[in-house]
Protein backbone atom coordinates (compact mmCIF):
# COMPACT_ATOMS: atom_id res chain seq x y z
CA MET A 1 113.13 3.94 -97.46
CA LYS A 2 112.41 6.97 -99.94
CA ASN A 3 113.66 5.06 -102.52
CA PHE A 4 111.64 2.14 -101.80
CA ILE A 5 107.92 4.63 -101.26
CA ASN A 6 109.66 6.32 -104.81
CA LEU A 7 109.66 2.78 -106.68
CA LEU A 8 105.89 1.49 -105.07
CA SER A 9 104.26 4.86 -105.90
CA ASN A 10 105.84 4.20 -109.89
CA VAL A 11 104.71 0.76 -109.76
CA PHE A 12 101.15 1.22 -108.31
CA LEU A 13 100.13 4.40 -109.06
CA TYR A 14 97.79 5.73 -111.62
CA LYS A 15 99.65 8.24 -113.44
CA LYS A 16 97.32 10.45 -116.34
CA SER A 17 99.48 10.02 -119.20
CA ASN A 18 98.72 12.61 -122.75
CA PRO A 19 95.19 12.24 -123.77
CA THR A 20 96.23 14.02 -127.20
CA HIS A 21 97.43 11.95 -129.92
CA ASP A 22 98.31 12.65 -133.46
CA PHE A 23 96.94 10.43 -136.20
CA SER A 24 96.41 12.87 -139.34
CA LEU A 25 99.19 12.39 -142.17
CA PHE A 26 101.92 15.49 -142.87
CA GLU A 27 100.49 18.46 -144.59
CA SER A 28 101.60 21.36 -145.86
CA PRO A 29 101.49 24.78 -143.90
CA ASN A 30 98.98 26.06 -146.71
CA GLU A 31 96.48 23.06 -146.05
CA HIS A 32 93.93 24.12 -143.80
CA THR A 33 94.06 22.22 -140.49
CA PRO A 34 90.31 21.09 -138.88
CA THR A 35 88.83 22.39 -135.98
CA PRO A 36 86.35 21.26 -133.45
CA ASN A 37 84.16 23.48 -135.26
CA ASP A 38 84.89 22.18 -138.30
CA ILE A 39 83.93 18.62 -136.89
CA ASN A 40 80.94 19.63 -134.76
CA ASP A 41 79.45 21.44 -138.28
CA THR A 42 79.93 18.20 -140.74
CA LEU A 43 77.06 16.66 -137.74
CA ALA A 44 74.40 19.01 -140.02
CA LEU A 45 73.30 18.24 -142.64
CA PRO A 46 74.69 20.84 -145.58
CA GLU A 47 72.58 24.21 -146.82
CA GLU A 48 74.42 24.20 -150.05
CA ASN A 49 71.64 24.59 -153.44
CA ILE A 50 72.41 21.77 -155.43
CA PHE A 51 74.96 22.83 -158.69
CA PRO A 52 73.82 22.45 -162.26
CA ASN A 53 77.23 20.37 -163.21
CA ILE A 54 76.54 16.87 -162.46
CA ASN A 55 80.15 16.17 -162.14
CA ASP A 56 79.84 18.45 -158.92
CA ASN A 57 76.70 16.88 -157.56
CA LEU A 58 78.92 13.47 -157.87
CA ASN A 59 81.90 14.76 -155.42
CA TYR A 60 80.01 16.54 -153.13
CA LEU A 61 77.88 13.19 -152.57
CA LYS A 62 80.50 11.23 -152.69
CA VAL A 63 82.69 13.21 -149.87
CA ARG A 64 79.17 13.45 -147.73
CA TYR A 65 77.95 9.69 -148.08
CA ASN A 66 82.15 8.68 -147.34
CA SER A 67 81.37 6.50 -150.98
CA MET A 68 84.83 5.12 -150.44
CA ILE A 69 84.22 3.00 -147.35
CA ASN A 70 80.79 3.01 -146.88
CA SER A 71 79.50 -0.52 -148.42
CA ASP A 72 75.61 0.34 -148.84
CA VAL A 73 75.38 3.78 -150.62
CA ILE A 74 74.55 3.50 -153.93
CA ILE A 75 75.86 6.32 -156.37
CA ARG A 76 74.71 4.71 -159.90
CA ASN A 77 75.85 7.18 -163.01
CA PHE A 78 74.06 6.52 -166.06
CA THR A 79 73.50 8.40 -169.04
CA LEU A 80 69.69 9.62 -170.49
CA VAL A 81 68.44 10.39 -173.95
CA ALA A 82 65.87 13.89 -174.17
CA ASN A 83 64.83 15.88 -177.11
CA ASN A 84 67.42 13.75 -178.96
CA LYS A 85 70.33 14.54 -176.20
CA LYS A 86 72.19 12.66 -173.95
CA TYR A 87 72.50 14.01 -170.60
CA ASN A 88 74.97 12.44 -167.48
CA ALA A 89 72.84 11.54 -164.74
CA LEU A 90 73.36 9.88 -161.54
CA LEU A 91 71.19 8.31 -159.03
CA VAL A 92 71.52 7.93 -155.01
CA CYS A 93 69.61 5.70 -152.70
CA ILE A 94 71.04 3.41 -149.88
CA ASP A 95 70.87 -0.47 -150.23
CA GLY A 96 68.56 -2.26 -147.87
CA MET A 97 66.44 0.56 -147.43
CA VAL A 98 64.40 1.13 -151.14
CA ASN A 99 63.07 -1.50 -153.22
CA SER A 100 65.32 -2.48 -155.84
CA ASP A 101 62.45 -3.28 -158.15
CA LEU A 102 60.46 -0.60 -158.61
CA ILE A 103 64.00 1.09 -159.16
CA ASN A 104 65.44 -0.88 -161.85
CA ASN A 105 61.64 -1.02 -163.61
CA PHE A 106 60.00 2.39 -163.05
CA THR A 107 62.96 4.63 -162.63
CA LEU A 108 65.90 3.95 -164.42
CA LYS A 109 64.21 1.68 -167.54
CA PRO A 110 62.51 4.68 -168.67
CA LEU A 111 65.46 6.86 -167.97
CA MET A 112 68.21 4.91 -169.54
CA GLN A 113 66.05 3.79 -172.98
CA LYS A 114 65.65 5.56 -176.14
CA ASN A 115 61.96 5.88 -176.03
CA LYS A 116 59.82 6.39 -179.41
CA ILE A 117 59.34 10.00 -178.12
CA SER A 118 62.36 11.50 -178.58
CA ARG A 119 63.01 9.83 -182.11
CA LYS A 120 60.36 11.59 -183.27
CA LYS A 121 60.54 15.12 -181.95
CA ASN A 122 56.89 14.32 -180.29
CA LEU A 123 57.48 16.80 -177.40
CA PRO A 124 54.42 17.36 -175.48
CA THR A 125 52.18 20.05 -176.71
CA ASN A 126 53.43 22.56 -173.85
CA VAL A 127 56.61 22.38 -175.33
CA LYS A 128 55.80 22.87 -178.91
CA GLN A 129 53.32 25.85 -177.49
CA ASN A 130 56.96 27.74 -175.79
CA ASN A 131 58.93 26.96 -178.37
CA LYS A 132 61.44 26.10 -175.90
CA PHE A 133 62.87 22.66 -174.15
CA ASN A 134 62.89 22.57 -170.69
CA LEU A 135 64.44 19.48 -169.12
CA GLU A 136 63.51 19.77 -165.77
CA THR A 137 59.89 20.00 -166.68
CA TYR A 138 60.38 17.64 -169.53
CA LEU A 139 61.97 14.52 -167.03
CA PHE A 140 59.34 15.32 -163.98
CA ASN A 141 56.15 15.26 -166.81
CA THR A 142 57.06 12.46 -169.32
CA LEU A 143 60.25 10.36 -168.02
CA ILE A 144 59.83 9.37 -165.02
CA PRO A 145 56.56 7.23 -164.27
CA GLN A 146 56.28 7.73 -160.31
CA ASN A 147 53.56 8.69 -158.41
CA SER A 148 55.48 9.82 -155.55
CA ILE A 149 57.93 12.44 -156.65
CA THR A 150 59.24 15.68 -155.29
CA LYS A 151 61.71 18.55 -156.40
CA VAL A 152 64.49 19.89 -153.96
CA THR A 153 66.81 22.13 -154.43
CA THR A 154 69.24 21.83 -151.92
CA PHE A 155 71.76 19.30 -150.52
CA LYS A 156 70.18 19.25 -146.99
CA ASP A 157 66.41 18.09 -148.03
CA LEU A 158 68.21 15.88 -150.96
CA ILE A 159 70.17 13.88 -147.89
CA SER A 160 67.11 13.77 -145.41
CA GLN A 161 64.74 11.84 -147.92
CA VAL A 162 67.68 9.56 -148.96
CA ASN A 163 68.51 8.44 -145.52
CA GLU A 164 65.00 8.31 -145.00
CA GLY A 165 64.83 5.77 -147.76
CA CYS A 166 64.12 7.51 -150.91
CA CYS A 167 66.31 7.86 -153.50
CA ALA A 168 67.45 10.79 -155.35
CA ILE A 169 68.46 11.35 -159.15
CA LEU A 170 70.49 14.70 -160.54
CA VAL A 171 70.60 15.35 -163.95
CA ASP A 172 73.95 17.70 -165.84
CA THR A 173 72.40 21.22 -166.60
CA ILE A 174 69.83 21.21 -164.06
CA SER A 175 69.67 22.77 -160.80
CA VAL A 176 67.16 20.41 -159.33
CA SER A 177 66.96 17.05 -158.28
CA PHE A 178 64.11 14.32 -158.02
CA VAL A 179 63.59 12.44 -154.96
CA ILE A 180 61.60 9.72 -155.65
CA ASP A 181 59.42 7.22 -152.77
CA VAL A 182 60.52 4.40 -153.17
CA LYS A 183 60.73 3.17 -150.01
CA GLY A 184 61.32 -1.05 -149.17
CA PHE A 185 63.00 -1.87 -146.07
CA SER A 186 61.52 -4.55 -143.92
CA ALA A 187 59.53 -3.65 -141.21
CA ARG A 188 57.32 -5.78 -138.61
CA SER A 189 54.34 -6.95 -139.34
CA ILE A 190 51.18 -6.24 -137.50
CA SER A 191 50.44 -7.82 -134.78
CA ALA A 192 48.39 -8.26 -131.56
CA PRO A 193 49.76 -5.86 -128.32
CA ASN A 194 51.56 -7.49 -126.23
CA ASN A 195 51.51 -5.13 -122.66
CA GLU A 196 47.64 -3.59 -123.10
CA ILE A 197 45.99 -6.66 -123.97
CA ILE A 198 41.94 -7.01 -123.65
CA ILE A 199 39.26 -9.83 -124.30
CA ARG A 200 36.98 -7.72 -126.37
CA GLY A 201 38.24 -4.78 -128.47
CA SER A 202 40.88 -4.45 -131.47
CA GLN A 203 43.67 -6.51 -131.27
CA GLU A 204 46.30 -4.70 -133.59
CA ALA A 205 49.24 -2.75 -131.85
CA PHE A 206 51.36 -0.34 -133.59
CA VAL A 207 54.84 -1.30 -135.35
CA GLU A 208 58.26 0.93 -135.83
CA LYS A 209 57.46 2.13 -139.07
CA ILE A 210 55.60 5.51 -138.15
CA ARG A 211 53.75 5.63 -142.04
CA THR A 212 52.04 2.03 -140.86
CA ASN A 213 51.00 3.77 -137.62
CA THR A 214 49.44 6.77 -139.05
CA THR A 215 47.87 4.84 -141.86
CA MET A 216 45.94 2.51 -138.59
CA LEU A 217 44.56 5.85 -137.41
CA ARG A 218 43.37 6.91 -140.31
CA ARG A 219 41.20 3.49 -141.01
CA ILE A 220 39.80 4.10 -137.49
CA ILE A 221 39.13 7.58 -137.49
CA ASN A 222 38.08 7.63 -141.31
CA ASN A 223 37.67 11.70 -141.54
CA GLU A 224 39.08 14.37 -143.39
CA ASN A 225 39.24 16.66 -139.84
CA LEU A 226 42.03 14.26 -139.14
CA ILE A 227 45.47 16.45 -139.19
CA ILE A 228 48.77 14.91 -139.13
CA GLU A 229 51.69 17.27 -139.28
CA ASN A 230 55.66 15.81 -139.80
CA THR A 231 58.70 17.07 -138.34
CA SER A 232 62.52 16.33 -137.40
CA VAL A 233 63.81 16.24 -133.98
CA GLY A 234 67.01 15.67 -133.88
CA LYS A 235 70.21 17.06 -135.38
CA ILE A 236 71.90 13.61 -136.19
CA THR A 237 69.00 10.79 -137.08
CA HIS A 238 66.44 13.86 -137.80
CA THR A 239 63.95 11.41 -136.58
CA GLN A 240 60.68 11.72 -137.81
CA VAL A 241 57.69 12.46 -135.43
CA ALA A 242 54.16 12.75 -136.34
CA ILE A 243 51.49 15.16 -134.17
CA CYS A 244 47.89 13.77 -134.61
CA TYR A 245 44.77 15.95 -134.25
CA MET A 246 41.64 16.91 -135.43
CA LYS A 247 41.02 19.72 -136.44
CA ASN A 248 37.46 20.28 -135.76
CA ILE A 249 37.71 19.00 -132.20
CA THR A 250 40.93 19.55 -130.71
CA ASN A 251 41.69 22.98 -129.39
CA ASN A 252 44.30 25.39 -131.08
CA ASP A 253 46.44 26.18 -127.82
CA LEU A 254 46.64 22.84 -127.19
CA VAL A 255 47.96 21.91 -130.60
CA ALA A 256 50.60 24.81 -130.77
CA GLU A 257 51.99 23.72 -127.49
CA VAL A 258 52.42 20.30 -128.37
CA LYS A 259 54.02 21.62 -131.67
CA TYR A 260 56.06 24.63 -130.12
CA ARG A 261 57.85 22.36 -127.33
CA VAL A 262 58.62 19.37 -130.28
CA ASN A 263 59.96 21.80 -132.78
CA ASN A 264 62.08 23.27 -129.61
CA LEU A 265 64.15 20.35 -128.78
CA ASP A 266 68.17 21.15 -129.10
CA ILE A 267 69.51 17.41 -128.87
CA ASP A 268 71.78 15.26 -131.67
CA SER A 269 69.22 12.40 -131.21
CA LEU A 270 66.22 11.21 -130.68
CA VAL A 271 65.14 7.71 -131.14
CA SER A 272 62.38 6.57 -129.01
CA SER A 273 58.46 7.88 -127.65
CA GLY A 274 60.63 7.25 -124.21
CA GLN A 275 62.78 10.13 -124.47
CA LEU A 276 59.83 12.12 -125.95
CA GLU A 277 57.95 11.90 -123.41
CA GLN A 278 60.98 12.96 -120.84
CA LEU A 279 61.99 15.91 -123.18
CA ILE A 280 58.84 17.88 -122.99
CA GLN A 281 56.19 16.32 -120.43
CA ASP A 282 55.46 20.20 -117.81
CA ASN A 283 58.03 18.16 -114.79
CA PRO A 284 60.81 15.73 -115.12
CA SER A 285 60.90 15.82 -111.50
CA SER A 286 57.41 14.29 -110.92
CA ALA A 287 57.96 9.86 -111.03
CA PHE A 288 54.00 10.21 -112.15
CA PRO A 289 53.37 9.85 -115.64
CA GLN A 290 52.23 13.27 -117.25
CA MET A 291 51.64 11.75 -120.90
CA ILE A 292 49.98 8.64 -122.00
CA ALA A 293 51.75 6.23 -123.31
CA THR A 294 49.86 3.28 -125.75
CA GLU A 295 50.42 0.89 -127.93
CA ARG A 296 46.72 0.50 -129.36
CA PRO A 297 45.13 2.48 -132.32
CA ASP A 298 42.07 2.14 -131.21
CA LYS A 299 43.02 3.74 -127.59
CA THR A 300 44.79 6.69 -129.23
CA ALA A 301 41.71 7.55 -131.84
CA GLU A 302 39.39 7.65 -128.93
CA HIS A 303 41.72 10.31 -126.88
CA ILE A 304 41.82 12.17 -130.65
CA LEU A 305 38.14 11.75 -131.23
CA ASN A 306 37.71 13.49 -127.71
CA GLY A 307 39.91 16.70 -128.65
CA ARG A 308 43.94 15.52 -127.39
CA VAL A 309 46.94 15.05 -129.19
CA ALA A 310 48.97 12.01 -130.20
CA ILE A 311 52.48 12.28 -131.61
CA LEU A 312 54.12 8.95 -133.38
CA VAL A 313 57.59 8.58 -133.41
CA ASN A 314 59.39 6.53 -135.98
CA GLY A 315 60.88 3.60 -135.02
CA SER A 316 59.10 3.39 -131.51
CA PRO A 317 55.54 1.37 -131.43
CA TYR A 318 54.48 4.10 -128.92
CA ALA A 319 52.08 6.73 -129.36
CA LEU A 320 52.24 9.52 -126.81
CA ILE A 321 48.65 11.49 -126.16
CA ALA A 322 48.75 15.01 -124.56
CA PRO A 323 47.68 16.09 -121.62
CA GLY A 324 46.96 12.77 -119.67
CA ILE A 325 45.64 13.11 -116.23
CA LEU A 326 45.56 10.83 -112.91
CA ILE A 327 42.07 8.66 -113.83
CA ASP A 328 43.34 8.21 -117.30
CA TYR A 329 46.25 6.03 -115.82
CA LEU A 330 43.80 3.62 -114.09
CA SER A 331 41.38 3.03 -117.18
CA SER A 332 41.62 0.12 -119.26
CA PRO A 333 40.99 -0.16 -123.35
CA GLU A 334 38.43 -2.50 -122.70
CA ASP A 335 36.27 -0.01 -120.45
CA ILE A 336 34.57 1.30 -123.44
CA ASN A 337 34.08 -1.93 -124.86
CA LEU A 338 31.79 -3.38 -121.72
CA LYS A 339 28.39 -2.23 -120.05
CA ASN A 340 28.93 0.63 -117.90
CA GLN A 341 27.49 -1.48 -114.85
CA TYR A 342 30.91 -4.26 -115.53
CA SER A 343 33.80 -1.58 -116.50
CA ASN A 344 32.32 0.19 -113.42
CA LEU A 345 33.27 -3.19 -111.21
CA LEU A 346 36.75 -2.87 -112.92
CA LYS A 347 37.05 0.59 -112.08
CA PHE A 348 36.47 0.39 -108.24
CA LEU A 349 38.81 -2.77 -108.53
CA ARG A 350 41.83 -1.45 -109.44
CA ILE A 351 41.04 2.04 -107.53
CA LEU A 352 41.57 -0.66 -104.43
CA ALA A 353 44.62 -2.43 -105.94
CA THR A 354 45.83 1.19 -106.21
CA LEU A 355 45.82 2.09 -102.60
CA ILE A 356 47.07 -1.67 -101.31
CA THR A 357 50.01 -1.33 -103.89
CA LEU A 358 50.86 1.90 -102.35
CA LEU A 359 49.93 1.71 -98.05
CA LEU A 360 49.41 -2.14 -97.24
CA PRO A 361 53.17 -3.01 -96.08
CA ALA A 362 53.17 0.85 -94.65
CA ILE A 363 49.97 0.26 -92.46
CA TYR A 364 51.25 -3.40 -91.32
CA ILE A 365 54.46 -2.17 -90.17
CA SER A 366 52.36 1.25 -88.64
CA THR A 367 50.25 -1.44 -86.60
CA VAL A 368 52.22 -3.54 -85.86
CA THR A 369 55.33 -0.23 -84.32
CA PHE A 370 52.76 1.82 -82.96
CA HIS A 371 49.31 1.24 -83.12
CA SER A 372 49.14 -2.39 -82.14
CA GLU A 373 45.66 -2.20 -79.73
CA LEU A 374 43.58 -1.09 -83.60
CA LEU A 375 44.24 -5.20 -83.62
CA PRO A 376 41.90 -7.84 -82.80
CA THR A 377 43.35 -9.19 -79.59
CA GLU A 378 43.60 -13.26 -81.52
CA LEU A 379 45.19 -11.41 -84.67
CA LEU A 380 47.79 -9.33 -81.68
CA PHE A 381 48.67 -12.65 -80.69
CA THR A 382 48.87 -14.62 -83.67
CA ILE A 383 50.84 -11.89 -85.47
CA ALA A 384 53.13 -11.45 -82.45
CA ALA A 385 53.77 -15.91 -82.48
CA SER A 386 54.79 -14.89 -85.82
CA ARG A 387 57.43 -12.94 -85.28
CA ASN A 388 58.56 -14.36 -81.79
CA SER A 389 61.78 -16.78 -83.03
CA VAL A 390 62.21 -13.51 -85.90
CA PRO A 391 65.61 -11.41 -84.59
CA PHE A 392 65.19 -8.75 -87.16
CA PRO A 393 63.07 -5.86 -86.90
CA VAL A 394 59.65 -5.60 -88.65
CA ILE A 395 61.37 -2.88 -91.39
CA PHE A 396 64.04 -5.32 -91.92
CA GLU A 397 61.85 -7.83 -92.34
CA ILE A 398 59.03 -5.82 -94.87
CA LEU A 399 62.54 -4.18 -96.93
CA LEU A 400 64.20 -7.80 -97.51
CA MET A 401 61.00 -8.98 -98.72
CA GLU A 402 59.76 -6.32 -100.69
CA ILE A 403 62.94 -5.98 -102.62
CA SER A 404 63.74 -9.79 -103.00
CA PHE A 405 59.84 -9.63 -104.57
CA GLU A 406 61.56 -6.77 -107.26
CA LEU A 407 64.52 -8.69 -107.80
CA ILE A 408 62.27 -11.52 -108.85
CA ARG A 409 60.04 -8.98 -110.66
CA GLU A 410 62.78 -7.91 -112.90
CA ALA A 411 64.55 -11.09 -113.29
CA GLY A 412 61.45 -12.41 -114.84
CA LEU A 413 60.97 -9.98 -117.18
CA ARG A 414 64.71 -10.21 -118.03
CA VAL A 415 65.32 -13.76 -118.59
CA PRO A 416 64.05 -15.83 -121.68
CA THR A 417 60.19 -16.51 -121.98
CA PRO A 418 60.32 -20.47 -121.44
CA LEU A 419 61.62 -19.51 -118.32
CA GLY A 420 59.99 -16.50 -116.80
CA THR A 421 57.54 -18.52 -115.16
CA THR A 422 60.03 -20.71 -113.83
CA ILE A 423 61.67 -18.18 -112.01
CA GLY A 424 58.20 -16.54 -110.55
CA ILE A 425 57.82 -19.93 -109.25
CA VAL A 426 60.79 -20.57 -107.75
CA GLY A 427 61.24 -17.12 -106.24
CA ALA A 428 57.65 -17.22 -104.92
CA LEU A 429 57.28 -20.56 -103.55
CA ILE A 430 60.97 -21.72 -102.80
CA LEU A 431 62.22 -18.54 -101.70
CA GLY A 432 59.31 -17.13 -99.21
CA GLU A 433 59.09 -20.49 -97.94
CA ALA A 434 62.94 -21.18 -97.00
CA ALA A 435 62.82 -17.71 -95.54
CA VAL A 436 60.22 -18.47 -93.35
CA SER A 437 61.64 -22.06 -92.11
CA ALA A 438 64.69 -20.19 -91.67
CA SER A 439 62.66 -17.59 -89.20
CA LEU A 440 64.17 -14.85 -91.16
CA VAL A 441 60.30 -13.69 -92.05
CA SER A 442 57.40 -13.77 -90.49
CA PRO A 443 54.19 -15.65 -92.37
CA ILE A 444 51.93 -12.80 -91.91
CA LEU A 445 54.37 -10.96 -93.78
CA ILE A 446 55.02 -13.00 -96.51
CA ILE A 447 50.97 -12.68 -97.24
CA ILE A 448 51.13 -8.88 -97.19
CA VAL A 449 53.76 -8.26 -99.75
CA ALA A 450 52.59 -11.21 -101.75
CA ILE A 451 48.84 -9.23 -102.25
CA THR A 452 50.70 -6.27 -102.65
CA GLY A 453 52.59 -7.78 -105.68
CA ILE A 454 49.51 -9.06 -107.11
CA CYS A 455 47.79 -5.43 -107.00
CA SER A 456 50.25 -3.87 -108.30
CA PHE A 457 49.68 -6.52 -111.62
CA ALA A 458 46.07 -4.80 -111.56
CA ILE A 459 47.19 -1.42 -112.39
CA PRO A 460 46.79 -1.32 -116.24
CA ASP A 461 49.36 1.88 -117.20
CA PHE A 462 52.84 0.40 -116.55
CA SER A 463 54.66 3.88 -115.78
CA LEU A 464 52.04 4.65 -112.90
CA SER A 465 52.83 1.06 -111.83
CA PHE A 466 56.35 2.34 -111.31
CA ALA A 467 55.28 5.94 -109.82
CA LEU A 468 53.66 3.20 -106.95
CA ARG A 469 56.11 1.00 -106.28
CA ILE A 470 58.36 3.72 -105.64
CA PHE A 471 55.92 6.12 -103.69
CA ARG A 472 55.07 2.55 -101.69
CA PHE A 473 59.26 2.80 -99.39
CA VAL A 474 59.06 6.44 -98.83
CA TYR A 475 55.28 5.02 -97.23
CA ILE A 476 57.27 1.88 -95.57
CA ILE A 477 60.02 4.76 -93.92
CA LEU A 478 56.91 7.11 -92.97
CA GLY A 479 54.99 4.03 -91.07
CA TYR A 480 57.95 3.05 -89.29
CA MET A 481 59.26 6.56 -87.94
CA LEU A 482 55.37 7.58 -87.47
CA GLY A 483 53.16 5.67 -87.62
CA PHE A 484 49.61 6.66 -89.32
CA LEU A 485 50.87 10.33 -88.55
CA GLY A 486 53.39 9.64 -91.11
CA LEU A 487 50.82 8.35 -93.20
CA ALA A 488 48.43 10.93 -93.14
CA LEU A 489 51.55 13.33 -93.86
CA GLY A 490 53.11 11.82 -96.55
CA LEU A 491 49.56 11.46 -98.46
CA PHE A 492 48.72 14.89 -97.46
CA ILE A 493 52.29 16.33 -99.12
CA GLN A 494 51.69 13.83 -101.83
CA LEU A 495 47.73 15.72 -103.04
CA ALA A 496 49.00 18.64 -102.69
CA ILE A 497 52.43 17.77 -105.04
CA LEU A 498 49.51 16.43 -107.11
CA SER A 499 47.16 19.06 -107.32
CA ASN A 500 49.64 21.75 -108.45
CA LEU A 501 50.91 19.15 -111.15
CA LYS A 502 50.47 20.15 -114.77
CA SER A 503 49.83 18.40 -117.90
CA PHE A 504 50.12 20.78 -120.82
CA GLY A 505 47.97 23.55 -118.99
CA VAL A 506 45.36 20.73 -117.67
CA PRO A 507 45.35 19.92 -113.66
CA TYR A 508 46.65 16.85 -113.09
CA LEU A 509 43.51 15.99 -110.63
CA ALA A 510 41.17 17.17 -113.38
CA PRO A 511 37.89 17.25 -113.33
CA TYR A 512 37.58 16.82 -109.30
CA ILE A 513 40.66 19.27 -108.03
CA PRO A 514 39.61 22.06 -109.48
CA THR A 515 35.76 20.74 -109.63
CA THR A 516 34.89 21.78 -113.22
CA ASN A 517 30.92 22.19 -114.56
CA LYS A 518 29.32 18.88 -113.01
CA SER A 519 26.73 18.93 -116.05
CA ASN A 520 29.08 18.30 -118.78
CA SER A 521 32.34 16.75 -117.18
CA ILE A 522 33.85 13.42 -117.48
CA SER A 523 34.38 11.57 -114.05
CA TYR A 524 36.18 8.24 -113.43
CA PHE A 525 33.21 5.88 -113.59
CA LEU A 526 30.98 5.62 -116.16
CA LYS A 527 28.13 6.87 -117.67
CA PRO A 528 25.73 4.51 -119.77
CA ILE A 529 26.99 5.50 -123.20
CA TRP A 530 23.87 6.66 -124.52
CA LYS A 531 24.45 9.68 -121.63
CA ASP A 532 27.77 10.32 -122.35
CA GLU A 533 27.13 13.29 -124.30
CA TYR A 534 30.25 16.06 -123.84
CA ARG A 535 33.90 15.50 -124.21
CA PRO A 536 36.04 16.79 -121.47
CA ASP A 537 35.52 20.32 -120.76
CA PHE A 538 39.14 20.37 -119.10
CA LEU A 539 40.11 19.73 -122.82
CA ASN A 540 38.23 23.23 -123.80
CA THR A 541 37.43 21.93 -127.34
CA LYS A 542 36.34 23.54 -130.29
CA ARG A 543 32.79 20.40 -130.34
CA LYS A 544 31.59 20.49 -126.42
CA LYS A 545 28.90 17.99 -127.60
CA GLN A 546 29.82 14.39 -129.19
CA GLU A 547 26.17 12.98 -129.20
CA PRO A 548 22.86 15.35 -128.94
CA GLU A 549 20.36 14.75 -125.67
CA ILE A 550 18.97 12.22 -128.00
CA SER A 551 20.90 9.88 -129.00
CA LEU A 552 18.46 6.43 -129.46
CA LYS A 553 15.92 7.75 -131.49
CA TRP A 554 15.51 4.31 -132.56
CA LYS A 555 13.81 4.52 -129.17
CA TYR A 556 13.19 7.91 -127.75
CA THR A 557 12.27 10.56 -129.71
CA LYS A 558 11.16 14.59 -129.04
CA GLY A 559 7.57 14.28 -129.24
CA LYS A 560 7.14 11.58 -126.91
């Protein structure tokens, strides 16, 4: 019996094998054996200075870029002529990220051809005055006809620039590299927004290229006080991040806080603005969004002009705007393009949609379970008759339909676009009708879930809609357990949590909790644009007023 048990153990039980595998070649005892620290050190860019010997630089770059196995790294050796002398040089770039025509015609060609200046010894004036030939100055001022060229002295700066799409030139006898901006990688062209669609307003959206995004902001704001500071995040990826703000408007403390958080991230990689949002927000455990994420340049420019800070991440078509308060997520970019009467009507509908999305299923289950006396008699009999053939409790019904609706919504997003509409129609009509016919759910519950789902689509911000969908299930449980008392308790706790929540030092429920100076504060509902004199006072901007008391000078004058 014991032997039989041992046999089964040997056959079916998993035994952890030795995880150590040695794939290295035999080496002599004097050779250095790599350690884990050595491997980790290779993830960071080197700090060494560029060598004056071209062969040392060549060997270093070949090892650093693994040129024996990397197929897209180009290291080009060539000879240039300066002051009737030949100098060995090399060019480093990454194929596919540079413009080959710019390199061939405006970099290699001027350097490799023997120009007349060299043969006639007609050196620049500064060279004759000093009576000493300076190869570095001569190359920078005479032989490289590029408008965007910088000098770097360390391999860290050189490799970082080459990885971004520049080319680097190193010349023998000088310990300086010339980095030329010849970016030429393919990028998506500017197109209309996909998620923040409006009828009246700009039809441009951000793209994945950070310099294109900053250009769109420059074109809209068109002022020299727009500051765009570049930094990098990630020890491996060195992702470019741009911090944008108005120097003469934005509070200095807000700018300093944003830069402090972005520059103090000890991470290996950053590939999207969504990751950065999670890393720098005040309370990561809160389900409510604390930074505005938008794909619209006009919306970003509007917030920057009001005194906020925008953050752009290379490779992400979304801008992050800090700080973000609750009323921002219930506003649409189209509001400022419409008359305030139209915009305020839409804003009221959004508040109504928010309350229905959050509380309607919970109110239904509370009323049916605990407070049926609140319903008119005819309606109560109708609900009772519709549920007479349903064998499940109301909590099972509503959870089944809510989860089914969320699955249908997710399936409609993930399937190919031509099938998305079909999935929605099949899920909403056929499955709903089949569930009622099979007496799994009551017809009125189908109406409740459908209205709740439609209202969730009326919320402009995608992140806020997600948060409300999560808390809707919490309120359903509270309503089933305690009725209206549970809903009141949940609303009280949630209001207390939101009152304590801040975004970059700004209260999340501003300007209502805490209340601010009503004479110059903003509110959820819009004033006429000619009465919108002040910027938000909770931002403590340098310029409080954005327009004078009388802005319609064609209509009103102080003398009248």
